Amino acid sequence: MLTRDGIHLFKFYLDIGRQMQLKRFHRRRHDPLRRWKLTEIDLAAISKWDDYTKAKEDMFRFTHTAASPWTVIRANDKRRTRLEAIRSVLYALDYEGKAEAVVAKPDAAIVGSRPDLLYGTGPDLTPSHPKRARKTGAACHCVARAQPAQPFGRAGKFLHPQAAVTKAAARARGR
């Protein structure tokens, strides 16, 4: 109804990879200035990753239409995510003074409504922007989907994200 009345409706879903989420949780757990962002609900949700993924895919299946499509933005790089969301809106709208050279088409590698973005058939993580990767020391390659079974060590101590992924992989191999 809204779109038939001429309203421009944008539905964005910011999709973050499992390993990046663990990395952010780890940072929040150990940084006193970010600790307030981490709740018990966040920690409990780690084990429900697959359930949330299925619910997300069901939501897309039932609500993604030609009149109001979902636009997924891979959100592992916060700055790039924000810029691509703004770029998507500006690119979609026609307005007076629009500079085509400035408002470029959104980066198809991380923005779109393709099945691989909607239903996760592609890589789980998006590489960071190369310049930022060099600056932060982060790898600029996609990381395969990892499923940490238990993100905590003994006595509830939060493990480093890579340690949780490594332990889960070892459990999966039967070690």
N, C-alpha and C. Protein backbone atom coordinates (compact mmCIF):
# COMPACT_ATOMS: atom_id res chain seq x y z
N MET A 1 0.82 -1.19 0.00
CA MET A 1 0.00 0.00 0.00
C MET A 1 0.87 1.26 0.00
N LEU A 2 1.88 1.28 0.81
CA LEU A 2 2.73 2.47 0.89
C LEU A 2 3.40 2.75 -0.45
N THR A 3 3.96 1.71 -1.06
CA THR A 3 4.69 1.92 -2.31
C THR A 3 3.75 2.31 -3.45
N ARG A 4 2.50 1.83 -3.39
CA ARG A 4 1.53 2.22 -4.43
C ARG A 4 1.13 3.69 -4.31
N ASP A 5 1.30 4.24 -3.12
CA ASP A 5 0.98 5.65 -2.89
C ASP A 5 2.17 6.57 -3.19
N GLY A 6 3.23 5.99 -3.73
CA GLY A 6 4.38 6.80 -4.13
C GLY A 6 5.45 6.98 -3.06
N ILE A 7 5.32 6.27 -1.95
CA ILE A 7 6.33 6.36 -0.89
C ILE A 7 7.49 5.43 -1.23
N HIS A 8 8.69 5.93 -1.09
CA HIS A 8 9.89 5.11 -1.32
C HIS A 8 10.19 4.36 -0.03
N LEU A 9 10.07 3.04 -0.08
CA LEU A 9 10.29 2.20 1.09
C LEU A 9 11.60 1.45 0.91
N PHE A 10 12.50 1.62 1.87
CA PHE A 10 13.79 0.93 1.85
C PHE A 10 13.83 -0.01 3.05
N LYS A 11 14.06 -1.28 2.78
CA LYS A 11 14.21 -2.26 3.86
C LYS A 11 15.64 -2.77 3.81
N PHE A 12 16.41 -2.44 4.82
CA PHE A 12 17.81 -2.87 4.90
C PHE A 12 17.96 -3.92 5.98
N TYR A 13 18.75 -4.93 5.67
CA TYR A 13 19.13 -5.93 6.66
C TYR A 13 20.65 -5.92 6.72
N LEU A 14 21.21 -5.56 7.87
CA LEU A 14 22.65 -5.51 8.04
C LEU A 14 23.10 -6.88 8.56
N ASP A 15 23.82 -7.60 7.74
CA ASP A 15 24.20 -8.98 8.02
C ASP A 15 25.66 -9.04 8.46
N ILE A 16 25.88 -9.57 9.64
CA ILE A 16 27.24 -9.69 10.17
C ILE A 16 27.61 -11.16 10.27
N GLY A 17 28.85 -11.46 9.98
CA GLY A 17 29.32 -12.85 10.05
C GLY A 17 29.50 -13.29 11.50
N ARG A 18 29.43 -14.59 11.70
CA ARG A 18 29.54 -15.17 13.04
C ARG A 18 30.89 -14.85 13.69
N GLN A 19 31.96 -14.99 12.96
CA GLN A 19 33.27 -14.73 13.54
C GLN A 19 33.44 -13.25 13.91
N MET A 20 32.93 -12.36 13.07
CA MET A 20 33.02 -10.93 13.39
C MET A 20 32.17 -10.62 14.63
N GLN A 21 31.02 -11.26 14.75
CA GLN A 21 30.19 -11.04 15.93
C GLN A 21 30.92 -11.49 17.19
N LEU A 22 31.58 -12.63 17.13
CA LEU A 22 32.37 -13.10 18.27
C LEU A 22 33.50 -12.12 18.59
N LYS A 23 34.14 -11.61 17.54
CA LYS A 23 35.22 -10.65 17.73
C LYS A 23 34.70 -9.39 18.42
N ARG A 24 33.54 -8.90 18.01
CA ARG A 24 32.95 -7.71 18.64
C ARG A 24 32.55 -7.99 20.08
N PHE A 25 31.98 -9.17 20.33
CA PHE A 25 31.63 -9.53 21.71
C PHE A 25 32.88 -9.57 22.58
N HIS A 26 33.95 -10.15 22.05
CA HIS A 26 35.21 -10.23 22.80
C HIS A 26 35.71 -8.83 23.14
N ARG A 27 35.69 -7.95 22.16
CA ARG A 27 36.15 -6.57 22.37
C ARG A 27 35.28 -5.87 23.43
N ARG A 28 33.97 -6.09 23.35
CA ARG A 28 33.06 -5.46 24.31
C ARG A 28 33.27 -6.01 25.72
N ARG A 29 33.56 -7.28 25.79
CA ARG A 29 33.75 -7.93 27.09
C ARG A 29 34.97 -7.37 27.82
N HIS A 30 36.02 -7.03 27.08
CA HIS A 30 37.28 -6.62 27.70
C HIS A 30 37.54 -5.13 27.67
N ASP A 31 36.72 -4.35 27.01
CA ASP A 31 36.90 -2.90 26.95
C ASP A 31 35.89 -2.24 27.90
N PRO A 32 36.37 -1.58 28.93
CA PRO A 32 35.46 -0.97 29.91
C PRO A 32 34.50 0.05 29.30
N LEU A 33 34.92 0.71 28.21
CA LEU A 33 34.05 1.70 27.58
C LEU A 33 32.97 1.07 26.71
N ARG A 34 33.14 -0.19 26.35
CA ARG A 34 32.15 -0.87 25.51
C ARG A 34 31.38 -1.95 26.26
N ARG A 35 31.76 -2.21 27.48
CA ARG A 35 31.17 -3.32 28.24
C ARG A 35 29.65 -3.18 28.35
N TRP A 36 29.14 -1.97 28.41
CA TRP A 36 27.69 -1.75 28.56
C TRP A 36 26.91 -2.26 27.35
N LYS A 37 27.58 -2.42 26.20
CA LYS A 37 26.90 -2.88 24.99
C LYS A 37 26.61 -4.39 25.02
N LEU A 38 27.27 -5.13 25.86
CA LEU A 38 27.15 -6.58 25.90
C LEU A 38 26.18 -6.99 27.01
N THR A 39 25.13 -7.68 26.63
CA THR A 39 24.13 -8.12 27.61
C THR A 39 24.12 -9.64 27.71
N GLU A 40 23.46 -10.13 28.73
CA GLU A 40 23.30 -11.59 28.89
C GLU A 40 22.53 -12.18 27.71
N ILE A 41 21.60 -11.41 27.16
CA ILE A 41 20.83 -11.88 26.00
C ILE A 41 21.75 -12.08 24.81
N ASP A 42 22.70 -11.15 24.61
CA ASP A 42 23.67 -11.30 23.52
C ASP A 42 24.47 -12.58 23.69
N LEU A 43 24.93 -12.83 24.90
CA LEU A 43 25.75 -14.01 25.15
C LEU A 43 24.94 -15.30 24.98
N ALA A 44 23.69 -15.29 25.41
CA ALA A 44 22.84 -16.47 25.25
C ALA A 44 22.51 -16.72 23.78
N ALA A 45 22.48 -15.65 22.99
CA ALA A 45 22.11 -15.78 21.57
C ALA A 45 23.20 -16.43 20.73
N ILE A 46 24.43 -16.48 21.24
CA ILE A 46 25.53 -17.07 20.47
C ILE A 46 25.21 -18.51 20.09
N SER A 47 24.65 -19.25 21.01
CA SER A 47 24.34 -20.66 20.74
C SER A 47 23.12 -20.83 19.85
N LYS A 48 22.38 -19.76 19.62
CA LYS A 48 21.18 -19.84 18.78
C LYS A 48 21.41 -19.27 17.38
N TRP A 49 22.66 -19.16 16.96
CA TRP A 49 23.00 -18.56 15.67
C TRP A 49 22.23 -19.22 14.52
N ASP A 50 22.21 -20.54 14.49
CA ASP A 50 21.53 -21.24 13.39
C ASP A 50 20.02 -21.01 13.41
N ASP A 51 19.43 -20.94 14.61
CA ASP A 51 17.99 -20.67 14.72
C ASP A 51 17.67 -19.27 14.20
N TYR A 52 18.50 -18.29 14.55
CA TYR A 52 18.29 -16.92 14.07
C TYR A 52 18.49 -16.83 12.56
N THR A 53 19.44 -17.58 12.04
CA THR A 53 19.66 -17.59 10.60
C THR A 53 18.44 -18.14 9.87
N LYS A 54 17.87 -19.21 10.39
CA LYS A 54 16.67 -19.78 9.77
C LYS A 54 15.51 -18.79 9.84
N ALA A 55 15.34 -18.13 10.97
CA ALA A 55 14.27 -17.14 11.12
C ALA A 55 14.46 -15.98 10.15
N LYS A 56 15.70 -15.54 9.97
CA LYS A 56 16.01 -14.46 9.02
C LYS A 56 15.64 -14.89 7.60
N GLU A 57 16.03 -16.11 7.23
CA GLU A 57 15.72 -16.60 5.88
C GLU A 57 14.22 -16.75 5.67
N ASP A 58 13.50 -17.19 6.70
CA ASP A 58 12.03 -17.27 6.61
C ASP A 58 11.43 -15.88 6.44
N MET A 59 11.95 -14.91 7.18
CA MET A 59 11.46 -13.54 7.05
C MET A 59 11.64 -13.05 5.61
N PHE A 60 12.81 -13.29 5.03
CA PHE A 60 13.05 -12.88 3.65
C PHE A 60 12.09 -13.61 2.70
N ARG A 61 11.90 -14.90 2.92
CA ARG A 61 11.05 -15.68 2.04
C ARG A 61 9.62 -15.14 2.00
N PHE A 62 9.13 -14.70 3.17
CA PHE A 62 7.74 -14.25 3.25
C PHE A 62 7.54 -12.75 3.01
N THR A 63 8.59 -11.95 3.14
CA THR A 63 8.40 -10.49 3.05
C THR A 63 9.19 -9.82 1.94
N HIS A 64 10.00 -10.56 1.20
CA HIS A 64 10.78 -9.99 0.10
C HIS A 64 9.91 -10.02 -1.16
N THR A 65 9.47 -8.86 -1.60
CA THR A 65 8.59 -8.77 -2.78
C THR A 65 9.18 -7.79 -3.78
N ALA A 66 8.66 -7.82 -5.00
CA ALA A 66 9.13 -6.88 -6.03
C ALA A 66 8.78 -5.44 -5.64
N ALA A 67 7.64 -5.25 -4.99
CA ALA A 67 7.22 -3.90 -4.59
C ALA A 67 8.04 -3.37 -3.42
N SER A 68 8.46 -4.24 -2.52
CA SER A 68 9.26 -3.81 -1.37
C SER A 68 10.33 -4.87 -1.07
N PRO A 69 11.41 -4.85 -1.84
CA PRO A 69 12.47 -5.85 -1.64
C PRO A 69 13.36 -5.53 -0.44
N TRP A 70 13.96 -6.56 0.10
CA TRP A 70 14.97 -6.38 1.13
C TRP A 70 16.29 -6.10 0.44
N THR A 71 17.08 -5.24 1.04
CA THR A 71 18.45 -5.01 0.59
C THR A 71 19.36 -5.44 1.73
N VAL A 72 20.18 -6.44 1.46
CA VAL A 72 21.11 -6.95 2.46
C VAL A 72 22.44 -6.25 2.28
N ILE A 73 23.01 -5.82 3.40
CA ILE A 73 24.35 -5.23 3.38
C ILE A 73 25.21 -6.04 4.33
N ARG A 74 26.26 -6.63 3.81
CA ARG A 74 27.19 -7.36 4.67
C ARG A 74 27.89 -6.33 5.56
N ALA A 75 27.74 -6.49 6.87
CA ALA A 75 28.07 -5.42 7.80
C ALA A 75 29.28 -5.69 8.69
N ASN A 76 30.25 -6.41 8.20
CA ASN A 76 31.43 -6.66 9.02
C ASN A 76 32.31 -5.43 9.17
N ASP A 77 32.28 -4.54 8.21
CA ASP A 77 33.04 -3.30 8.26
C ASP A 77 32.02 -2.17 8.49
N LYS A 78 31.97 -1.65 9.72
CA LYS A 78 30.93 -0.69 10.09
C LYS A 78 30.93 0.56 9.21
N ARG A 79 32.09 1.12 8.98
CA ARG A 79 32.17 2.35 8.18
C ARG A 79 31.68 2.10 6.76
N ARG A 80 32.16 1.05 6.17
CA ARG A 80 31.77 0.71 4.79
C ARG A 80 30.27 0.41 4.71
N THR A 81 29.74 -0.26 5.73
CA THR A 81 28.31 -0.56 5.78
C THR A 81 27.48 0.72 5.76
N ARG A 82 27.85 1.67 6.60
CA ARG A 82 27.10 2.93 6.67
C ARG A 82 27.15 3.67 5.34
N LEU A 83 28.33 3.73 4.74
CA LEU A 83 28.46 4.42 3.46
C LEU A 83 27.64 3.74 2.36
N GLU A 84 27.64 2.42 2.34
CA GLU A 84 26.88 1.69 1.32
C GLU A 84 25.37 1.85 1.53
N ALA A 85 24.92 1.93 2.77
CA ALA A 85 23.49 2.15 3.02
C ALA A 85 23.07 3.53 2.51
N ILE A 86 23.87 4.53 2.81
CA ILE A 86 23.58 5.88 2.32
C ILE A 86 23.63 5.92 0.81
N ARG A 87 24.66 5.29 0.23
CA ARG A 87 24.80 5.25 -1.22
C ARG A 87 23.59 4.56 -1.87
N SER A 88 23.08 3.50 -1.27
CA SER A 88 21.92 2.79 -1.83
C SER A 88 20.69 3.69 -1.92
N VAL A 89 20.46 4.46 -0.88
CA VAL A 89 19.31 5.37 -0.87
C VAL A 89 19.51 6.47 -1.91
N LEU A 90 20.67 7.11 -1.88
CA LEU A 90 20.93 8.21 -2.81
C LEU A 90 20.90 7.76 -4.26
N TYR A 91 21.40 6.56 -4.54
CA TYR A 91 21.43 6.04 -5.90
C TYR A 91 20.01 5.73 -6.40
N ALA A 92 19.14 5.26 -5.50
CA ALA A 92 17.79 4.85 -5.88
C ALA A 92 16.86 6.03 -6.14
N LEU A 93 17.13 7.16 -5.53
CA LEU A 93 16.24 8.31 -5.66
C LEU A 93 16.73 9.28 -6.73
N ASP A 94 15.78 9.87 -7.45
CA ASP A 94 16.10 10.96 -8.37
C ASP A 94 15.76 12.27 -7.68
N TYR A 95 16.71 13.17 -7.67
CA TYR A 95 16.49 14.46 -7.02
C TYR A 95 17.30 15.52 -7.74
N GLU A 96 16.90 16.74 -7.53
CA GLU A 96 17.56 17.87 -8.17
C GLU A 96 18.98 18.03 -7.63
N GLY A 97 19.93 18.21 -8.52
CA GLY A 97 21.32 18.41 -8.13
C GLY A 97 22.07 17.11 -7.86
N LYS A 98 21.50 15.98 -8.23
CA LYS A 98 22.16 14.70 -8.00
C LYS A 98 23.40 14.61 -8.88
N ALA A 99 24.54 14.42 -8.27
CA ALA A 99 25.81 14.31 -9.00
C ALA A 99 26.10 12.84 -9.27
N GLU A 100 25.89 12.42 -10.51
CA GLU A 100 26.08 11.02 -10.87
C GLU A 100 27.50 10.54 -10.59
N ALA A 101 28.47 11.42 -10.71
CA ALA A 101 29.86 11.04 -10.47
C ALA A 101 30.12 10.77 -8.99
N VAL A 102 29.37 11.43 -8.12
CA VAL A 102 29.56 11.27 -6.69
C VAL A 102 28.73 10.12 -6.16
N VAL A 103 27.48 10.04 -6.60
CA VAL A 103 26.56 9.00 -6.13
C VAL A 103 26.68 7.81 -7.07
N ALA A 104 27.62 6.94 -6.79
CA ALA A 104 27.85 5.77 -7.63
C ALA A 104 26.92 4.63 -7.21
N LYS A 105 26.87 3.62 -8.05
CA LYS A 105 26.08 2.43 -7.76
C LYS A 105 26.68 1.72 -6.54
N PRO A 106 25.84 1.20 -5.65
CA PRO A 106 26.36 0.49 -4.47
C PRO A 106 27.24 -0.70 -4.87
N ASP A 107 28.17 -1.04 -4.00
CA ASP A 107 29.10 -2.14 -4.24
C ASP A 107 28.35 -3.47 -4.22
N ALA A 108 28.25 -4.11 -5.37
CA ALA A 108 27.49 -5.35 -5.49
C ALA A 108 28.10 -6.50 -4.70
N ALA A 109 29.34 -6.38 -4.30
CA ALA A 109 29.96 -7.45 -3.52
C ALA A 109 29.36 -7.54 -2.12
N ILE A 110 28.85 -6.42 -1.59
CA ILE A 110 28.31 -6.47 -0.23
C ILE A 110 26.88 -5.94 -0.12
N VAL A 111 26.30 -5.43 -1.20
CA VAL A 111 24.95 -4.86 -1.16
C VAL A 111 24.10 -5.48 -2.25
N GLY A 112 22.89 -5.85 -1.91
CA GLY A 112 21.98 -6.32 -2.94
C GLY A 112 20.84 -7.15 -2.41
N SER A 113 20.10 -7.71 -3.36
CA SER A 113 18.95 -8.56 -3.05
C SER A 113 19.08 -9.92 -3.72
N ARG A 114 20.30 -10.29 -4.04
CA ARG A 114 20.56 -11.58 -4.69
C ARG A 114 20.33 -12.72 -3.69
N PRO A 115 20.00 -13.90 -4.20
CA PRO A 115 19.79 -15.05 -3.29
C PRO A 115 20.99 -15.35 -2.40
N ASP A 116 22.22 -15.17 -2.91
CA ASP A 116 23.38 -15.47 -2.05
C ASP A 116 23.47 -14.49 -0.88
N LEU A 117 22.98 -13.28 -1.03
CA LEU A 117 22.95 -12.34 0.08
C LEU A 117 21.76 -12.59 1.00
N LEU A 118 20.61 -12.90 0.40
CA LEU A 118 19.40 -13.12 1.20
C LEU A 118 19.46 -14.43 1.99
N TYR A 119 19.95 -15.48 1.34
CA TYR A 119 19.86 -16.81 1.94
C TYR A 119 21.20 -17.42 2.31
N GLY A 120 22.27 -16.63 2.24
CA GLY A 120 23.55 -17.07 2.75
C GLY A 120 24.23 -18.18 2.00
N THR A 121 24.07 -18.24 0.68
CA THR A 121 24.74 -19.30 -0.06
C THR A 121 26.18 -18.94 -0.39
N GLY A 122 26.57 -17.69 -0.14
CA GLY A 122 27.94 -17.25 -0.41
C GLY A 122 28.78 -17.32 0.84
N PRO A 123 29.95 -16.68 0.83
CA PRO A 123 30.81 -16.68 2.00
C PRO A 123 30.15 -15.98 3.18
N ASP A 124 30.49 -16.43 4.37
CA ASP A 124 29.89 -15.89 5.59
C ASP A 124 30.38 -14.49 5.90
N LEU A 125 31.63 -14.21 5.62
CA LEU A 125 32.19 -12.91 5.97
C LEU A 125 32.63 -12.16 4.74
N THR A 126 32.54 -10.87 4.83
CA THR A 126 32.98 -10.00 3.76
C THR A 126 34.34 -9.44 4.10
N PRO A 127 35.26 -9.37 3.14
CA PRO A 127 36.55 -8.78 3.47
C PRO A 127 36.41 -7.31 3.81
N SER A 128 37.25 -6.86 4.69
CA SER A 128 37.28 -5.44 5.00
C SER A 128 37.86 -4.69 3.82
N HIS A 129 37.66 -3.40 3.83
CA HIS A 129 38.26 -2.58 2.79
C HIS A 129 39.78 -2.74 2.90
N PRO A 130 40.50 -2.94 1.78
CA PRO A 130 41.94 -3.22 1.84
C PRO A 130 42.74 -2.19 2.64
N LYS A 131 42.43 -0.90 2.50
CA LYS A 131 43.18 0.11 3.23
C LYS A 131 42.95 -0.02 4.73
N ARG A 132 41.72 -0.28 5.12
CA ARG A 132 41.43 -0.43 6.55
C ARG A 132 42.03 -1.72 7.08
N ALA A 133 42.06 -2.77 6.24
CA ALA A 133 42.63 -4.03 6.69
C ALA A 133 44.11 -3.86 7.00
N ARG A 134 44.83 -3.12 6.18
CA ARG A 134 46.24 -2.89 6.44
C ARG A 134 46.42 -2.06 7.71
N LYS A 135 45.56 -1.09 7.89
CA LYS A 135 45.66 -0.20 9.05
C LYS A 135 45.38 -0.95 10.36
N THR A 136 44.37 -1.82 10.34
CA THR A 136 43.98 -2.51 11.56
C THR A 136 44.68 -3.84 11.73
N GLY A 137 45.34 -4.32 10.67
CA GLY A 137 46.00 -5.61 10.75
C GLY A 137 45.04 -6.76 10.48
N ALA A 138 43.80 -6.48 10.11
CA ALA A 138 42.83 -7.53 9.84
C ALA A 138 43.10 -8.16 8.48
N ALA A 139 42.72 -9.39 8.34
CA ALA A 139 42.89 -10.07 7.07
C ALA A 139 41.87 -9.55 6.08
N CYS A 140 42.23 -9.49 4.83
CA CYS A 140 41.33 -8.99 3.80
C CYS A 140 40.84 -10.14 2.94
N HIS A 141 40.48 -11.25 3.58
CA HIS A 141 39.99 -12.42 2.86
C HIS A 141 38.72 -12.90 3.54
N CYS A 142 37.86 -13.53 2.77
CA CYS A 142 36.65 -14.11 3.35
C CYS A 142 37.05 -15.27 4.25
N VAL A 143 36.31 -15.45 5.31
CA VAL A 143 36.58 -16.53 6.25
C VAL A 143 35.44 -17.52 6.13
N ALA A 144 35.77 -18.79 6.08
CA ALA A 144 34.73 -19.81 5.97
C ALA A 144 33.85 -19.79 7.20
N ARG A 145 32.61 -20.20 7.04
CA ARG A 145 31.66 -20.21 8.14
C ARG A 145 32.15 -21.11 9.26
N ALA A 146 32.22 -20.57 10.43
CA ALA A 146 32.67 -21.32 11.59
C ALA A 146 31.54 -21.40 12.59
N GLN A 147 31.45 -22.51 13.30
CA GLN A 147 30.36 -22.68 14.24
C GLN A 147 30.91 -23.03 15.61
N PRO A 148 31.19 -22.00 16.41
CA PRO A 148 31.70 -22.31 17.74
C PRO A 148 30.59 -22.90 18.60
N ALA A 149 30.86 -24.07 19.17
CA ALA A 149 29.86 -24.73 19.98
C ALA A 149 29.74 -24.06 21.35
N GLN A 150 30.88 -23.58 21.87
CA GLN A 150 30.88 -22.99 23.20
C GLN A 150 31.87 -21.83 23.22
N PRO A 151 31.39 -20.59 23.29
CA PRO A 151 32.29 -19.45 23.26
C PRO A 151 32.97 -19.16 24.61
N PHE A 152 32.68 -19.95 25.63
CA PHE A 152 33.24 -19.68 26.94
C PHE A 152 34.20 -20.79 27.35
N GLY A 153 35.19 -20.41 28.11
CA GLY A 153 36.13 -21.38 28.68
C GLY A 153 35.64 -21.78 30.06
N ARG A 154 36.55 -22.23 30.88
CA ARG A 154 36.18 -22.62 32.25
C ARG A 154 35.68 -21.40 33.03
N ALA A 155 34.77 -21.65 33.91
CA ALA A 155 34.21 -20.62 34.82
C ALA A 155 33.60 -19.45 34.06
N GLY A 156 33.10 -19.70 32.85
CA GLY A 156 32.39 -18.67 32.10
C GLY A 156 33.29 -17.60 31.52
N LYS A 157 34.61 -17.81 31.51
CA LYS A 157 35.51 -16.80 30.97
C LYS A 157 35.36 -16.76 29.45
N PHE A 158 35.19 -15.57 28.91
CA PHE A 158 34.99 -15.41 27.47
C PHE A 158 36.30 -15.68 26.74
N LEU A 159 36.26 -16.57 25.77
CA LEU A 159 37.46 -16.90 25.01
C LEU A 159 37.67 -15.91 23.88
N HIS A 160 38.90 -15.81 23.45
CA HIS A 160 39.20 -15.03 22.25
C HIS A 160 38.41 -15.68 21.11
N PRO A 161 37.82 -14.90 20.16
CA PRO A 161 36.99 -15.46 19.10
C PRO A 161 37.67 -16.58 18.32
N GLN A 162 38.94 -16.42 18.01
CA GLN A 162 39.62 -17.45 17.23
C GLN A 162 39.78 -18.73 18.05
N ALA A 163 39.98 -18.58 19.37
CA ALA A 163 40.09 -19.76 20.22
C ALA A 163 38.78 -20.53 20.23
N ALA A 164 37.66 -19.82 20.29
CA ALA A 164 36.35 -20.48 20.29
C ALA A 164 36.14 -21.21 18.98
N VAL A 165 36.50 -20.58 17.87
CA VAL A 165 36.34 -21.20 16.56
C VAL A 165 37.25 -22.42 16.45
N THR A 166 38.50 -22.30 16.92
CA THR A 166 39.46 -23.40 16.85
C THR A 166 38.99 -24.58 17.69
N LYS A 167 38.49 -24.31 18.91
CA LYS A 167 38.00 -25.38 19.76
C LYS A 167 36.79 -26.08 19.12
N ALA A 168 35.89 -25.30 18.52
CA ALA A 168 34.72 -25.88 17.87
C ALA A 168 35.15 -26.74 16.68
N ALA A 169 36.14 -26.30 15.93
CA ALA A 169 36.62 -27.09 14.78
C ALA A 169 37.25 -28.38 15.27
N ALA A 170 38.00 -28.33 16.36
CA ALA A 170 38.62 -29.54 16.90
C ALA A 170 37.54 -30.52 17.36
N ARG A 171 36.47 -30.01 18.00
CA ARG A 171 35.37 -30.87 18.43
C ARG A 171 34.70 -31.51 17.22
N ALA A 172 34.54 -30.74 16.16
CA ALA A 172 33.88 -31.26 14.96
C ALA A 172 34.71 -32.37 14.32
N ARG A 173 36.04 -32.27 14.44
CA ARG A 173 36.92 -33.32 13.87
C ARG A 173 37.02 -34.52 14.79
N GLY A 174 36.48 -34.42 15.99
CA GLY A 174 36.47 -35.54 16.90
C GLY A 174 37.68 -35.61 17.80
N ARG A 175 38.38 -34.53 18.01
CA ARG A 175 39.56 -34.52 18.89
C ARG A 175 39.16 -34.27 20.30
